[in-house]
Amino acid sequence: MSQDSRNKKSIAELRREYSQQVLAESEVCDDPIEQFTEWFEQAFSADLLDVNAMNLSTATKQGKPSSRIVLLKGVDENGFRFYTNYGSRKGRELDENPHAALCFYWAPLERQVRIEGNVERLSRSASENYFKQRPRESRLGAWASKQSSQVGSRTELENRFQEIKQRFKDQEIPLPDFWGGFLLRPKRIEFWQGRKSRMHDRICYEKDENEWNIFRLAP
């Protein structure tokens, strides 16, 4: 066995201690959106890479799950907003099964936020407002990519992009009918703070009609 092989750890051996901060019930906001905003701003101030990246988990009507990383593009008292091709796998699954989950992981801060709720499409006007803010190349890409469909080659994809680029040359690029936003209205939000000896802090908010119940979960 080589020296390099002996120095490599097995996956089961990979671990580290978490010890930066604590999370107590007495310290969190009464509203989970306010708590999320506070944590998000701290993550942004820490200059973390892709601070708005989140794992989006969806499922078919039969309950077959799938996950991928998408970008959060807005949050307010109504919920969490993101945008995609409605014909993509996630778009199709959200249309047939509106139950979804989000997960943020900010490793340098030893923090995780898990969000569960129901998803609905944003209005076309809301999607248009966001679409107009995107870089021109990104708007062209939205038209060029039939997201989640099979592509014969990279060349085919690039040719499609050039066709779309020529089609909208010197023109405003409109919002495609097949592209737009989703809003996840949260019903449960959990804030996780890493602690020593795997005795992590987990503070959970669960919605009961219009009230948020706050409680601690065992790690």
N, C-alpha and C. Protein backbone atom coordinates (compact mmCIF):
# COMPACT_ATOMS: atom_id res chain seq x y z
N MET A 1 0.86 -1.20 0.00
CA MET A 1 0.00 0.00 0.00
C MET A 1 0.89 1.24 0.00
N SER A 2 0.57 2.20 -0.86
CA SER A 2 1.37 3.41 -0.97
C SER A 2 1.16 4.31 0.24
N GLN A 3 2.10 5.26 0.44
CA GLN A 3 1.98 6.22 1.53
C GLN A 3 0.72 7.06 1.37
N ASP A 4 0.41 7.45 0.11
CA ASP A 4 -0.78 8.25 -0.13
C ASP A 4 -2.04 7.50 0.28
N SER A 5 -2.08 6.19 -0.01
CA SER A 5 -3.25 5.39 0.34
C SER A 5 -3.41 5.30 1.85
N ARG A 6 -2.28 5.16 2.58
CA ARG A 6 -2.35 5.05 4.03
C ARG A 6 -2.79 6.36 4.67
N ASN A 7 -2.46 7.49 4.03
CA ASN A 7 -2.81 8.80 4.59
C ASN A 7 -4.26 9.20 4.32
N LYS A 8 -4.88 8.52 3.37
CA LYS A 8 -6.26 8.87 3.05
C LYS A 8 -7.21 8.30 4.09
N LYS A 9 -8.16 9.10 4.54
CA LYS A 9 -9.15 8.63 5.49
C LYS A 9 -10.34 8.02 4.74
N SER A 10 -10.96 7.06 5.35
CA SER A 10 -12.18 6.53 4.78
C SER A 10 -13.30 7.54 5.00
N ILE A 11 -14.36 7.41 4.23
CA ILE A 11 -15.49 8.32 4.38
C ILE A 11 -16.02 8.28 5.80
N ALA A 12 -16.07 7.09 6.38
CA ALA A 12 -16.61 6.93 7.74
C ALA A 12 -15.78 7.68 8.78
N GLU A 13 -14.52 7.94 8.46
CA GLU A 13 -13.64 8.62 9.42
C GLU A 13 -13.71 10.15 9.30
N LEU A 14 -14.37 10.66 8.27
CA LEU A 14 -14.41 12.10 8.07
C LEU A 14 -15.36 12.73 9.09
N ARG A 15 -14.83 13.62 9.90
CA ARG A 15 -15.65 14.31 10.90
C ARG A 15 -14.91 15.55 11.41
N ARG A 16 -15.65 16.46 12.00
CA ARG A 16 -15.07 17.62 12.65
C ARG A 16 -16.01 18.07 13.75
N GLU A 17 -15.48 18.82 14.68
CA GLU A 17 -16.28 19.35 15.77
C GLU A 17 -16.91 20.67 15.35
N TYR A 18 -18.09 20.96 15.88
CA TYR A 18 -18.76 22.23 15.66
C TYR A 18 -18.79 22.98 16.99
N SER A 19 -18.30 24.21 16.99
CA SER A 19 -18.17 24.89 18.28
C SER A 19 -18.27 26.41 18.21
N GLN A 20 -18.73 26.94 17.08
CA GLN A 20 -18.69 28.40 16.93
C GLN A 20 -19.72 29.13 17.76
N GLN A 21 -20.99 28.70 17.70
CA GLN A 21 -22.06 29.47 18.32
C GLN A 21 -23.10 28.56 18.96
N VAL A 22 -24.05 29.19 19.64
CA VAL A 22 -25.17 28.46 20.24
C VAL A 22 -26.47 29.06 19.70
N LEU A 23 -27.56 28.31 19.85
CA LEU A 23 -28.87 28.80 19.43
C LEU A 23 -29.87 28.43 20.51
N ALA A 24 -30.39 29.44 21.19
CA ALA A 24 -31.31 29.23 22.30
C ALA A 24 -32.70 29.77 21.96
N GLU A 25 -33.72 29.15 22.53
CA GLU A 25 -35.08 29.59 22.30
C GLU A 25 -35.27 31.06 22.69
N SER A 26 -34.57 31.49 23.73
CA SER A 26 -34.72 32.87 24.22
C SER A 26 -34.11 33.90 23.27
N GLU A 27 -33.31 33.43 22.31
CA GLU A 27 -32.59 34.35 21.44
C GLU A 27 -33.20 34.48 20.05
N VAL A 28 -34.06 33.54 19.66
CA VAL A 28 -34.58 33.57 18.30
C VAL A 28 -35.76 34.54 18.18
N CYS A 29 -36.03 34.96 16.94
CA CYS A 29 -37.16 35.85 16.67
C CYS A 29 -38.46 35.08 16.80
N ASP A 30 -39.55 35.81 17.05
CA ASP A 30 -40.86 35.17 17.12
C ASP A 30 -41.32 34.67 15.76
N ASP A 31 -40.86 35.33 14.72
CA ASP A 31 -41.26 34.97 13.35
C ASP A 31 -40.07 34.32 12.63
N PRO A 32 -40.27 33.14 12.02
CA PRO A 32 -39.14 32.45 11.38
C PRO A 32 -38.58 33.16 10.16
N ILE A 33 -39.40 33.95 9.46
CA ILE A 33 -38.88 34.70 8.31
C ILE A 33 -37.89 35.76 8.79
N GLU A 34 -38.21 36.39 9.92
CA GLU A 34 -37.28 37.36 10.49
C GLU A 34 -35.99 36.66 10.93
N GLN A 35 -36.12 35.48 11.51
CA GLN A 35 -34.94 34.73 11.93
C GLN A 35 -34.11 34.32 10.73
N PHE A 36 -34.78 33.87 9.67
CA PHE A 36 -34.05 33.49 8.45
C PHE A 36 -33.33 34.70 7.87
N THR A 37 -34.01 35.83 7.81
CA THR A 37 -33.40 37.04 7.25
C THR A 37 -32.17 37.45 8.04
N GLU A 38 -32.24 37.32 9.35
CA GLU A 38 -31.10 37.65 10.20
C GLU A 38 -29.92 36.73 9.91
N TRP A 39 -30.20 35.42 9.82
CA TRP A 39 -29.12 34.47 9.51
C TRP A 39 -28.58 34.68 8.10
N PHE A 40 -29.47 34.95 7.15
CA PHE A 40 -29.04 35.16 5.77
C PHE A 40 -28.12 36.37 5.67
N GLU A 41 -28.48 37.44 6.35
CA GLU A 41 -27.65 38.65 6.32
C GLU A 41 -26.28 38.39 6.94
N GLN A 42 -26.24 37.58 7.99
CA GLN A 42 -24.96 37.23 8.61
C GLN A 42 -24.12 36.39 7.65
N ALA A 43 -24.75 35.47 6.94
CA ALA A 43 -24.04 34.65 5.97
C ALA A 43 -23.52 35.51 4.81
N PHE A 44 -24.34 36.47 4.38
CA PHE A 44 -23.93 37.38 3.31
C PHE A 44 -22.76 38.24 3.76
N SER A 45 -22.82 38.74 4.99
CA SER A 45 -21.74 39.58 5.52
C SER A 45 -20.44 38.80 5.68
N ALA A 46 -20.57 37.48 5.86
CA ALA A 46 -19.38 36.63 5.98
C ALA A 46 -18.77 36.33 4.61
N ASP A 47 -19.39 36.89 3.55
CA ASP A 47 -18.87 36.76 2.18
C ASP A 47 -18.79 35.29 1.75
N LEU A 48 -19.81 34.53 2.09
CA LEU A 48 -19.84 33.12 1.69
C LEU A 48 -20.16 32.99 0.21
N LEU A 49 -19.58 31.98 -0.42
CA LEU A 49 -19.81 31.73 -1.83
C LEU A 49 -21.23 31.20 -2.04
N ASP A 50 -21.95 31.76 -3.01
CA ASP A 50 -23.31 31.30 -3.33
C ASP A 50 -24.18 31.22 -2.08
N VAL A 51 -24.24 32.30 -1.36
CA VAL A 51 -24.98 32.32 -0.09
C VAL A 51 -26.47 32.02 -0.29
N ASN A 52 -27.00 32.30 -1.48
CA ASN A 52 -28.42 32.05 -1.75
C ASN A 52 -28.69 30.70 -2.41
N ALA A 53 -27.67 29.85 -2.47
CA ALA A 53 -27.86 28.51 -3.03
C ALA A 53 -28.63 27.64 -2.03
N MET A 54 -29.61 26.91 -2.53
CA MET A 54 -30.42 26.07 -1.65
C MET A 54 -30.76 24.78 -2.37
N ASN A 55 -30.87 23.71 -1.61
CA ASN A 55 -31.30 22.44 -2.17
C ASN A 55 -32.83 22.43 -2.22
N LEU A 56 -33.36 22.17 -3.39
CA LEU A 56 -34.81 22.07 -3.57
C LEU A 56 -35.17 20.61 -3.80
N SER A 57 -36.00 20.07 -2.93
CA SER A 57 -36.47 18.69 -3.06
C SER A 57 -37.93 18.69 -3.47
N THR A 58 -38.23 17.95 -4.53
CA THR A 58 -39.59 17.80 -5.03
C THR A 58 -39.90 16.32 -5.13
N ALA A 59 -41.14 16.01 -5.46
CA ALA A 59 -41.53 14.60 -5.61
C ALA A 59 -42.66 14.49 -6.62
N THR A 60 -42.75 13.33 -7.25
CA THR A 60 -43.85 13.06 -8.16
C THR A 60 -45.13 12.84 -7.36
N LYS A 61 -46.23 12.67 -8.06
CA LYS A 61 -47.50 12.39 -7.40
C LYS A 61 -47.42 11.07 -6.63
N GLN A 62 -46.56 10.15 -7.11
CA GLN A 62 -46.39 8.86 -6.45
C GLN A 62 -45.38 8.91 -5.30
N GLY A 63 -44.76 10.07 -5.09
CA GLY A 63 -43.81 10.23 -3.99
C GLY A 63 -42.37 9.95 -4.33
N LYS A 64 -42.02 9.79 -5.59
CA LYS A 64 -40.63 9.57 -5.99
C LYS A 64 -39.88 10.90 -5.93
N PRO A 65 -38.86 11.01 -5.07
CA PRO A 65 -38.22 12.31 -4.84
C PRO A 65 -37.07 12.62 -5.81
N SER A 66 -36.75 13.89 -5.91
CA SER A 66 -35.56 14.34 -6.62
C SER A 66 -35.11 15.66 -6.00
N SER A 67 -33.81 15.93 -6.06
CA SER A 67 -33.25 17.14 -5.45
C SER A 67 -32.24 17.77 -6.38
N ARG A 68 -32.08 19.10 -6.23
CA ARG A 68 -31.08 19.84 -6.99
C ARG A 68 -30.85 21.19 -6.30
N ILE A 69 -29.74 21.82 -6.64
CA ILE A 69 -29.44 23.15 -6.09
C ILE A 69 -30.02 24.22 -7.01
N VAL A 70 -30.78 25.14 -6.41
CA VAL A 70 -31.30 26.30 -7.14
C VAL A 70 -30.96 27.54 -6.31
N LEU A 71 -31.24 28.70 -6.87
CA LEU A 71 -30.90 29.94 -6.18
C LEU A 71 -32.16 30.65 -5.67
N LEU A 72 -32.12 31.03 -4.40
CA LEU A 72 -33.18 31.85 -3.83
C LEU A 72 -33.12 33.23 -4.47
N LYS A 73 -34.29 33.73 -4.90
CA LYS A 73 -34.33 35.04 -5.54
C LYS A 73 -35.23 36.03 -4.83
N GLY A 74 -35.68 35.68 -3.64
CA GLY A 74 -36.48 36.61 -2.87
C GLY A 74 -37.13 35.91 -1.69
N VAL A 75 -37.30 36.65 -0.59
CA VAL A 75 -37.99 36.12 0.58
C VAL A 75 -38.71 37.27 1.27
N ASP A 76 -39.94 37.03 1.69
CA ASP A 76 -40.70 37.99 2.46
C ASP A 76 -41.71 37.23 3.31
N GLU A 77 -42.68 37.94 3.87
CA GLU A 77 -43.63 37.29 4.77
C GLU A 77 -44.46 36.20 4.08
N ASN A 78 -44.51 36.24 2.74
CA ASN A 78 -45.28 35.23 2.00
C ASN A 78 -44.51 33.93 1.81
N GLY A 79 -43.18 34.03 1.73
CA GLY A 79 -42.38 32.83 1.54
C GLY A 79 -41.13 33.05 0.72
N PHE A 80 -40.67 31.97 0.08
CA PHE A 80 -39.38 31.93 -0.61
C PHE A 80 -39.61 31.79 -2.12
N ARG A 81 -38.95 32.65 -2.91
CA ARG A 81 -39.16 32.68 -4.36
C ARG A 81 -37.94 32.17 -5.12
N PHE A 82 -38.23 31.41 -6.18
CA PHE A 82 -37.19 30.97 -7.11
C PHE A 82 -37.81 30.84 -8.49
N TYR A 83 -36.97 30.73 -9.52
CA TYR A 83 -37.44 30.74 -10.91
C TYR A 83 -36.84 29.58 -11.68
N THR A 84 -37.60 29.11 -12.68
CA THR A 84 -37.13 27.96 -13.44
C THR A 84 -37.96 27.81 -14.71
N ASN A 85 -37.57 26.83 -15.52
CA ASN A 85 -38.35 26.41 -16.68
C ASN A 85 -39.49 25.53 -16.17
N TYR A 86 -40.74 25.89 -16.46
CA TYR A 86 -41.88 25.12 -15.97
C TYR A 86 -41.91 23.70 -16.54
N GLY A 87 -41.24 23.49 -17.67
CA GLY A 87 -41.20 22.16 -18.28
C GLY A 87 -40.08 21.28 -17.76
N SER A 88 -39.24 21.82 -16.87
CA SER A 88 -38.15 21.03 -16.30
C SER A 88 -38.71 19.97 -15.37
N ARG A 89 -37.86 19.06 -14.93
CA ARG A 89 -38.34 18.01 -14.03
C ARG A 89 -38.93 18.60 -12.76
N LYS A 90 -38.22 19.57 -12.17
CA LYS A 90 -38.74 20.17 -10.94
C LYS A 90 -40.03 20.91 -11.19
N GLY A 91 -40.13 21.59 -12.33
CA GLY A 91 -41.35 22.31 -12.67
C GLY A 91 -42.54 21.38 -12.82
N ARG A 92 -42.32 20.27 -13.51
CA ARG A 92 -43.41 19.30 -13.71
C ARG A 92 -43.82 18.67 -12.38
N GLU A 93 -42.83 18.34 -11.55
CA GLU A 93 -43.15 17.71 -10.27
C GLU A 93 -43.88 18.67 -9.34
N LEU A 94 -43.50 19.93 -9.36
CA LEU A 94 -44.18 20.91 -8.51
C LEU A 94 -45.62 21.14 -8.97
N ASP A 95 -45.87 21.03 -10.26
CA ASP A 95 -47.23 21.19 -10.76
C ASP A 95 -48.13 20.03 -10.34
N GLU A 96 -47.57 18.81 -10.30
CA GLU A 96 -48.41 17.65 -9.94
C GLU A 96 -48.39 17.35 -8.45
N ASN A 97 -47.37 17.84 -7.74
CA ASN A 97 -47.28 17.64 -6.29
C ASN A 97 -46.68 18.90 -5.69
N PRO A 98 -47.48 19.78 -5.11
CA PRO A 98 -46.99 21.08 -4.64
C PRO A 98 -46.21 21.05 -3.33
N HIS A 99 -46.07 19.87 -2.71
CA HIS A 99 -45.31 19.78 -1.47
C HIS A 99 -43.82 19.74 -1.79
N ALA A 100 -43.04 20.62 -1.16
CA ALA A 100 -41.61 20.70 -1.46
C ALA A 100 -40.83 21.09 -0.21
N ALA A 101 -39.51 20.96 -0.31
CA ALA A 101 -38.63 21.31 0.81
C ALA A 101 -37.39 22.02 0.29
N LEU A 102 -36.89 22.95 1.09
CA LEU A 102 -35.66 23.68 0.80
C LEU A 102 -34.67 23.42 1.92
N CYS A 103 -33.37 23.50 1.59
CA CYS A 103 -32.35 23.36 2.62
C CYS A 103 -31.17 24.26 2.27
N PHE A 104 -30.82 25.14 3.21
CA PHE A 104 -29.62 25.98 3.09
C PHE A 104 -28.56 25.41 4.02
N TYR A 105 -27.31 25.38 3.56
CA TYR A 105 -26.21 24.94 4.42
C TYR A 105 -25.06 25.92 4.27
N TRP A 106 -24.77 26.63 5.37
CA TRP A 106 -23.68 27.59 5.40
C TRP A 106 -22.58 27.01 6.28
N ALA A 107 -21.73 26.18 5.67
CA ALA A 107 -20.73 25.40 6.41
C ALA A 107 -19.80 26.26 7.27
N PRO A 108 -19.24 27.37 6.76
CA PRO A 108 -18.33 28.16 7.60
C PRO A 108 -18.97 28.67 8.89
N LEU A 109 -20.29 28.84 8.88
CA LEU A 109 -21.00 29.31 10.07
C LEU A 109 -21.59 28.15 10.87
N GLU A 110 -21.41 26.92 10.36
CA GLU A 110 -21.94 25.72 11.02
C GLU A 110 -23.45 25.83 11.20
N ARG A 111 -24.13 26.24 10.12
CA ARG A 111 -25.57 26.47 10.19
C ARG A 111 -26.30 25.82 9.02
N GLN A 112 -27.51 25.40 9.30
CA GLN A 112 -28.39 24.83 8.30
C GLN A 112 -29.82 25.30 8.57
N VAL A 113 -30.56 25.54 7.49
CA VAL A 113 -31.97 25.90 7.62
C VAL A 113 -32.77 24.98 6.70
N ARG A 114 -33.76 24.31 7.27
CA ARG A 114 -34.64 23.42 6.51
C ARG A 114 -36.04 24.01 6.49
N ILE A 115 -36.64 24.02 5.30
CA ILE A 115 -37.94 24.66 5.10
C ILE A 115 -38.86 23.70 4.36
N GLU A 116 -40.08 23.54 4.86
CA GLU A 116 -41.07 22.70 4.20
C GLU A 116 -42.35 23.49 3.99
N GLY A 117 -43.02 23.24 2.87
CA GLY A 117 -44.27 23.95 2.63
C GLY A 117 -44.87 23.60 1.28
N ASN A 118 -45.88 24.35 0.90
CA ASN A 118 -46.54 24.17 -0.38
C ASN A 118 -46.08 25.24 -1.36
N VAL A 119 -46.00 24.84 -2.62
CA VAL A 119 -45.48 25.73 -3.66
C VAL A 119 -46.58 26.09 -4.64
N GLU A 120 -46.55 27.33 -5.11
CA GLU A 120 -47.49 27.80 -6.12
C GLU A 120 -46.74 28.66 -7.12
N ARG A 121 -47.28 28.76 -8.32
CA ARG A 121 -46.65 29.61 -9.33
C ARG A 121 -46.86 31.08 -9.00
N LEU A 122 -45.85 31.88 -9.29
CA LEU A 122 -46.00 33.33 -9.18
C LEU A 122 -46.80 33.84 -10.37
N SER A 123 -47.35 35.03 -10.25
CA SER A 123 -48.08 35.63 -11.36
C SER A 123 -47.13 35.91 -12.52
N ARG A 124 -47.69 36.00 -13.71
CA ARG A 124 -46.85 36.28 -14.87
C ARG A 124 -46.18 37.65 -14.74
N SER A 125 -46.88 38.62 -14.17
CA SER A 125 -46.28 39.95 -14.03
C SER A 125 -45.09 39.91 -13.08
N ALA A 126 -45.18 39.10 -12.01
CA ALA A 126 -44.05 38.98 -11.08
C ALA A 126 -42.87 38.31 -11.77
N SER A 127 -43.16 37.29 -12.59
CA SER A 127 -42.09 36.60 -13.32
C SER A 127 -41.47 37.52 -14.36
N GLU A 128 -42.28 38.33 -15.01
CA GLU A 128 -41.76 39.28 -16.00
C GLU A 128 -40.85 40.31 -15.36
N ASN A 129 -41.24 40.81 -14.20
CA ASN A 129 -40.42 41.80 -13.51
C ASN A 129 -39.04 41.24 -13.19
N TYR A 130 -38.99 39.99 -12.75
CA TYR A 130 -37.69 39.39 -12.46
C TYR A 130 -36.92 39.09 -13.75
N PHE A 131 -37.61 38.56 -14.75
CA PHE A 131 -36.96 38.17 -16.01
C PHE A 131 -36.23 39.35 -16.64
N LYS A 132 -36.84 40.53 -16.55
CA LYS A 132 -36.23 41.72 -17.14
C LYS A 132 -34.94 42.12 -16.43
N GLN A 133 -34.79 41.69 -15.18
CA GLN A 133 -33.59 42.02 -14.41
C GLN A 133 -32.40 41.11 -14.75
N ARG A 134 -32.68 39.99 -15.37
CA ARG A 134 -31.62 39.02 -15.66
C ARG A 134 -30.70 39.55 -16.76
N PRO A 135 -29.43 39.14 -16.76
CA PRO A 135 -28.54 39.52 -17.86
C PRO A 135 -29.10 39.01 -19.20
N ARG A 136 -28.81 39.71 -20.25
CA ARG A 136 -29.36 39.35 -21.57
C ARG A 136 -29.00 37.91 -21.94
N GLU A 137 -27.76 37.50 -21.67
CA GLU A 137 -27.35 36.14 -22.03
C GLU A 137 -28.17 35.10 -21.27
N SER A 138 -28.52 35.40 -20.03
CA SER A 138 -29.33 34.48 -19.24
C SER A 138 -30.75 34.38 -19.80
N ARG A 139 -31.27 35.51 -20.28
CA ARG A 139 -32.61 35.50 -20.87
C ARG A 139 -32.61 34.70 -22.17
N LEU A 140 -31.53 34.82 -22.95
CA LEU A 140 -31.41 34.01 -24.16
C LEU A 140 -31.32 32.53 -23.81
N GLY A 141 -30.58 32.23 -22.74
CA GLY A 141 -30.44 30.84 -22.32
C GLY A 141 -31.76 30.22 -21.91
N ALA A 142 -32.63 31.03 -21.31
CA ALA A 142 -33.94 30.52 -20.91
C ALA A 142 -34.74 30.07 -22.13
N TRP A 143 -34.62 30.82 -23.21
CA TRP A 143 -35.31 30.45 -24.46
C TRP A 143 -34.63 29.25 -25.13
N ALA A 144 -33.33 29.20 -25.07
CA ALA A 144 -32.58 28.18 -25.82
C ALA A 144 -32.64 26.79 -25.19
N SER A 145 -32.76 26.73 -23.87
CA SER A 145 -32.68 25.43 -23.19
C SER A 145 -34.06 24.85 -22.89
N LYS A 146 -34.33 23.68 -23.44
CA LYS A 146 -35.52 22.92 -23.07
C LYS A 146 -35.13 22.07 -21.86
N GLN A 147 -35.10 22.71 -20.73
CA GLN A 147 -34.50 22.15 -19.53
C GLN A 147 -35.02 20.75 -19.20
N SER A 148 -34.09 19.88 -18.87
CA SER A 148 -34.33 18.49 -18.46
C SER A 148 -34.65 17.55 -19.62
N SER A 149 -34.72 18.07 -20.86
CA SER A 149 -34.94 17.20 -22.02
C SER A 149 -33.59 16.71 -22.53
N GLN A 150 -33.60 15.57 -23.20
CA GLN A 150 -32.36 14.99 -23.73
C GLN A 150 -31.83 15.85 -24.88
N VAL A 151 -30.50 15.99 -24.91
CA VAL A 151 -29.82 16.76 -25.95
C VAL A 151 -28.81 15.85 -26.62
N GLY A 152 -28.78 15.89 -27.95
CA GLY A 152 -27.88 15.00 -28.68
C GLY A 152 -26.41 15.29 -28.47
N SER A 153 -26.07 16.57 -28.30
CA SER A 153 -24.67 16.95 -28.11
C SER A 153 -24.58 18.38 -27.60
N ARG A 154 -23.40 18.74 -27.13
CA ARG A 154 -23.16 20.13 -26.73
C ARG A 154 -23.29 21.06 -27.93
N THR A 155 -22.86 20.59 -29.09
CA THR A 155 -22.95 21.39 -30.31
C THR A 155 -24.39 21.75 -30.63
N GLU A 156 -25.28 20.77 -30.46
CA GLU A 156 -26.70 21.02 -30.69
C GLU A 156 -27.22 22.12 -29.77
N LEU A 157 -26.79 22.07 -28.52
CA LEU A 157 -27.21 23.07 -27.55
C LEU A 157 -26.66 24.45 -27.92
N GLU A 158 -25.39 24.50 -28.28
CA GLU A 158 -24.77 25.78 -28.65
C GLU A 158 -25.41 26.36 -29.92
N ASN A 159 -25.73 25.49 -30.87
CA ASN A 159 -26.38 25.96 -32.10
C ASN A 159 -27.75 26.56 -31.79
N ARG A 160 -28.46 25.92 -30.89
CA ARG A 160 -29.77 26.41 -30.48
C ARG A 160 -29.64 27.80 -29.85
N PHE A 161 -28.61 27.99 -29.03
CA PHE A 161 -28.39 29.28 -28.40
C PHE A 161 -28.12 30.36 -29.45
N GLN A 162 -27.30 30.04 -30.44
CA GLN A 162 -26.98 31.01 -31.48
C GLN A 162 -28.20 31.35 -32.32
N GLU A 163 -29.07 30.37 -32.55
CA GLU A 163 -30.31 30.62 -33.28
C GLU A 163 -31.20 31.61 -32.52
N ILE A 164 -31.31 31.38 -31.22
CA ILE A 164 -32.13 32.27 -30.39
C ILE A 164 -31.50 33.67 -30.32
N LYS A 165 -30.18 33.71 -30.22
CA LYS A 165 -29.48 34.99 -30.17
C LYS A 165 -29.73 35.80 -31.44
N GLN A 166 -29.72 35.13 -32.58
CA GLN A 166 -29.98 35.80 -33.86
C GLN A 166 -31.45 36.21 -33.96
N ARG A 167 -32.32 35.37 -33.45
CA ARG A 167 -33.78 35.65 -33.51
C ARG A 167 -34.13 36.93 -32.78
N PHE A 168 -33.47 37.16 -31.64
CA PHE A 168 -33.80 38.34 -30.84
C PHE A 168 -32.75 39.46 -30.98
N LYS A 169 -31.98 39.40 -32.05
CA LYS A 169 -30.96 40.42 -32.27
C LYS A 169 -31.60 41.80 -32.34
N ASP A 170 -31.04 42.71 -31.53
CA ASP A 170 -31.52 44.11 -31.48
C ASP A 170 -32.98 44.21 -31.04
N GLN A 171 -33.46 43.21 -30.30
CA GLN A 171 -34.83 43.22 -29.81
C GLN A 171 -34.86 42.98 -28.31
N GLU A 172 -35.95 43.42 -27.68
CA GLU A 172 -36.18 43.07 -26.29
C GLU A 172 -36.56 41.60 -26.22
N ILE A 173 -36.03 40.90 -25.23
CA ILE A 173 -36.30 39.46 -25.11
C ILE A 173 -37.49 39.28 -24.17
N PRO A 174 -38.60 38.74 -24.69
CA PRO A 174 -39.80 38.58 -23.85
C PRO A 174 -39.70 37.37 -22.93
N LEU A 175 -40.53 37.35 -21.92
CA LEU A 175 -40.60 36.19 -21.02
C LEU A 175 -41.24 35.02 -21.76
N PRO A 176 -40.58 33.86 -21.78
CA PRO A 176 -41.20 32.69 -22.43
C PRO A 176 -42.42 32.22 -21.63
N ASP A 177 -43.39 31.65 -22.32
CA ASP A 177 -44.57 31.12 -21.64
C ASP A 177 -44.22 29.97 -20.72
N PHE A 178 -43.10 29.30 -21.01
CA PHE A 178 -42.72 28.10 -20.26
C PHE A 178 -41.75 28.38 -19.12
N TRP A 179 -41.56 29.63 -18.78
CA TRP A 179 -40.56 30.00 -17.77
C TRP A 179 -41.18 30.97 -16.77
N GLY A 180 -40.83 30.81 -15.48
CA GLY A 180 -41.35 31.73 -14.49
C GLY A 180 -41.02 31.34 -13.07
N GLY A 181 -41.71 31.96 -12.14
CA GLY A 181 -41.36 31.79 -10.73
C GLY A 181 -42.29 30.91 -9.94
N PHE A 182 -41.76 30.45 -8.82
CA PHE A 182 -42.52 29.70 -7.83
C PHE A 182 -42.36 30.38 -6.48
N LEU A 183 -43.37 30.23 -5.65
CA LEU A 183 -43.33 30.71 -4.27
C LEU A 183 -43.58 29.52 -3.35
N LEU A 184 -42.66 29.27 -2.43
CA LEU A 184 -42.89 28.25 -1.41
C LEU A 184 -43.39 28.94 -0.15
N ARG A 185 -44.60 28.61 0.23
CA ARG A 185 -45.19 29.15 1.47
C ARG A 185 -44.84 28.18 2.61
N PRO A 186 -44.01 28.60 3.55
CA PRO A 186 -43.52 27.68 4.57
C PRO A 186 -44.57 27.29 5.61
N LYS A 187 -44.52 26.03 6.00
CA LYS A 187 -45.35 25.54 7.10
C LYS A 187 -44.48 25.06 8.26
N ARG A 188 -43.22 24.82 7.96
CA ARG A 188 -42.28 24.35 8.98
C ARG A 188 -40.88 24.84 8.60
N ILE A 189 -40.19 25.44 9.54
CA ILE A 189 -38.82 25.92 9.32
C ILE A 189 -37.97 25.52 10.52
N GLU A 190 -36.85 24.88 10.24
CA GLU A 190 -35.95 24.44 11.31
C GLU A 190 -34.58 25.10 11.16
N PHE A 191 -34.09 25.66 12.26
CA PHE A 191 -32.77 26.29 12.30
C PHE A 191 -31.83 25.37 13.08
N TRP A 192 -30.72 25.02 12.45
CA TRP A 192 -29.75 24.08 13.03
C TRP A 192 -28.42 24.79 13.23
N GLN A 193 -27.91 24.73 14.45
CA GLN A 193 -26.59 25.29 14.76
C GLN A 193 -25.71 24.17 15.28
N GLY A 194 -24.58 23.94 14.64
CA GLY A 194 -23.68 22.87 15.07
C GLY A 194 -23.11 23.14 16.46
N ARG A 195 -23.03 22.06 17.27
CA ARG A 195 -22.48 22.16 18.62
C ARG A 195 -21.54 21.00 18.88
N LYS A 196 -20.75 21.10 19.94
CA LYS A 196 -19.78 20.06 20.29
C LYS A 196 -20.48 18.74 20.61
N SER A 197 -19.73 17.66 20.41
CA SER A 197 -20.18 16.30 20.74
C SER A 197 -21.47 15.92 20.03
N ARG A 198 -21.72 16.56 18.90
CA ARG A 198 -22.93 16.29 18.11
C ARG A 198 -24.21 16.63 18.88
N MET A 199 -24.11 17.44 19.92
CA MET A 199 -25.28 17.90 20.67
C MET A 199 -25.76 19.22 20.07
N HIS A 200 -26.16 19.15 18.82
CA HIS A 200 -26.51 20.34 18.06
C HIS A 200 -27.78 21.01 18.58
N ASP A 201 -27.89 22.31 18.30
CA ASP A 201 -29.11 23.05 18.59
C ASP A 201 -30.02 22.98 17.37
N ARG A 202 -31.28 22.60 17.62
CA ARG A 202 -32.30 22.56 16.56
C ARG A 202 -33.55 23.25 17.08
N ILE A 203 -33.83 24.43 16.55
CA ILE A 203 -35.03 25.17 16.93
C ILE A 203 -35.98 25.16 15.74
N CYS A 204 -37.20 24.70 16.00
CA CYS A 204 -38.17 24.50 14.93
C CYS A 204 -39.38 25.41 15.10
N TYR A 205 -39.85 25.93 13.98
CA TYR A 205 -41.09 26.71 13.92
C TYR A 205 -42.10 25.90 13.09
N GLU A 206 -43.29 25.73 13.62
CA GLU A 206 -44.33 25.00 12.89
C GLU A 206 -45.61 25.84 12.92
N LYS A 207 -46.21 25.99 11.74
CA LYS A 207 -47.37 26.87 11.62
C LYS A 207 -48.66 26.14 11.97
N ASP A 208 -49.44 26.75 12.86
CA ASP A 208 -50.76 26.25 13.25
C ASP A 208 -51.75 27.35 12.93
N GLU A 209 -52.44 27.19 11.78
CA GLU A 209 -53.27 28.25 11.22
C GLU A 209 -52.39 29.48 10.96
N ASN A 210 -52.56 30.58 11.71
CA ASN A 210 -51.74 31.77 11.45
C ASN A 210 -50.69 32.00 12.53
N GLU A 211 -50.52 31.05 13.43
CA GLU A 211 -49.56 31.19 14.51
C GLU A 211 -48.38 30.25 14.32
N TRP A 212 -47.21 30.72 14.74
CA TRP A 212 -46.01 29.88 14.69
C TRP A 212 -45.71 29.34 16.09
N ASN A 213 -45.66 28.02 16.20
CA ASN A 213 -45.24 27.37 17.43
C ASN A 213 -43.73 27.14 17.36
N ILE A 214 -43.02 27.44 18.45
CA ILE A 214 -41.56 27.30 18.49
C ILE A 214 -41.20 26.24 19.53
N PHE A 215 -40.35 25.29 19.11
CA PHE A 215 -39.94 24.23 20.04
C PHE A 215 -38.55 23.71 19.64
N ARG A 216 -37.92 23.03 20.57
CA ARG A 216 -36.59 22.46 20.35
C ARG A 216 -36.72 20.99 19.96
N LEU A 217 -35.82 20.56 19.06
CA LEU A 217 -35.74 19.17 18.66
C LEU A 217 -34.44 18.56 19.18
N ALA A 218 -34.47 17.28 19.51
CA ALA A 218 -33.25 16.59 19.90
C ALA A 218 -32.34 16.45 18.69
N PRO A 219 -31.04 16.55 18.90
CA PRO A 219 -30.13 16.45 17.76
C PRO A 219 -29.99 15.02 17.24
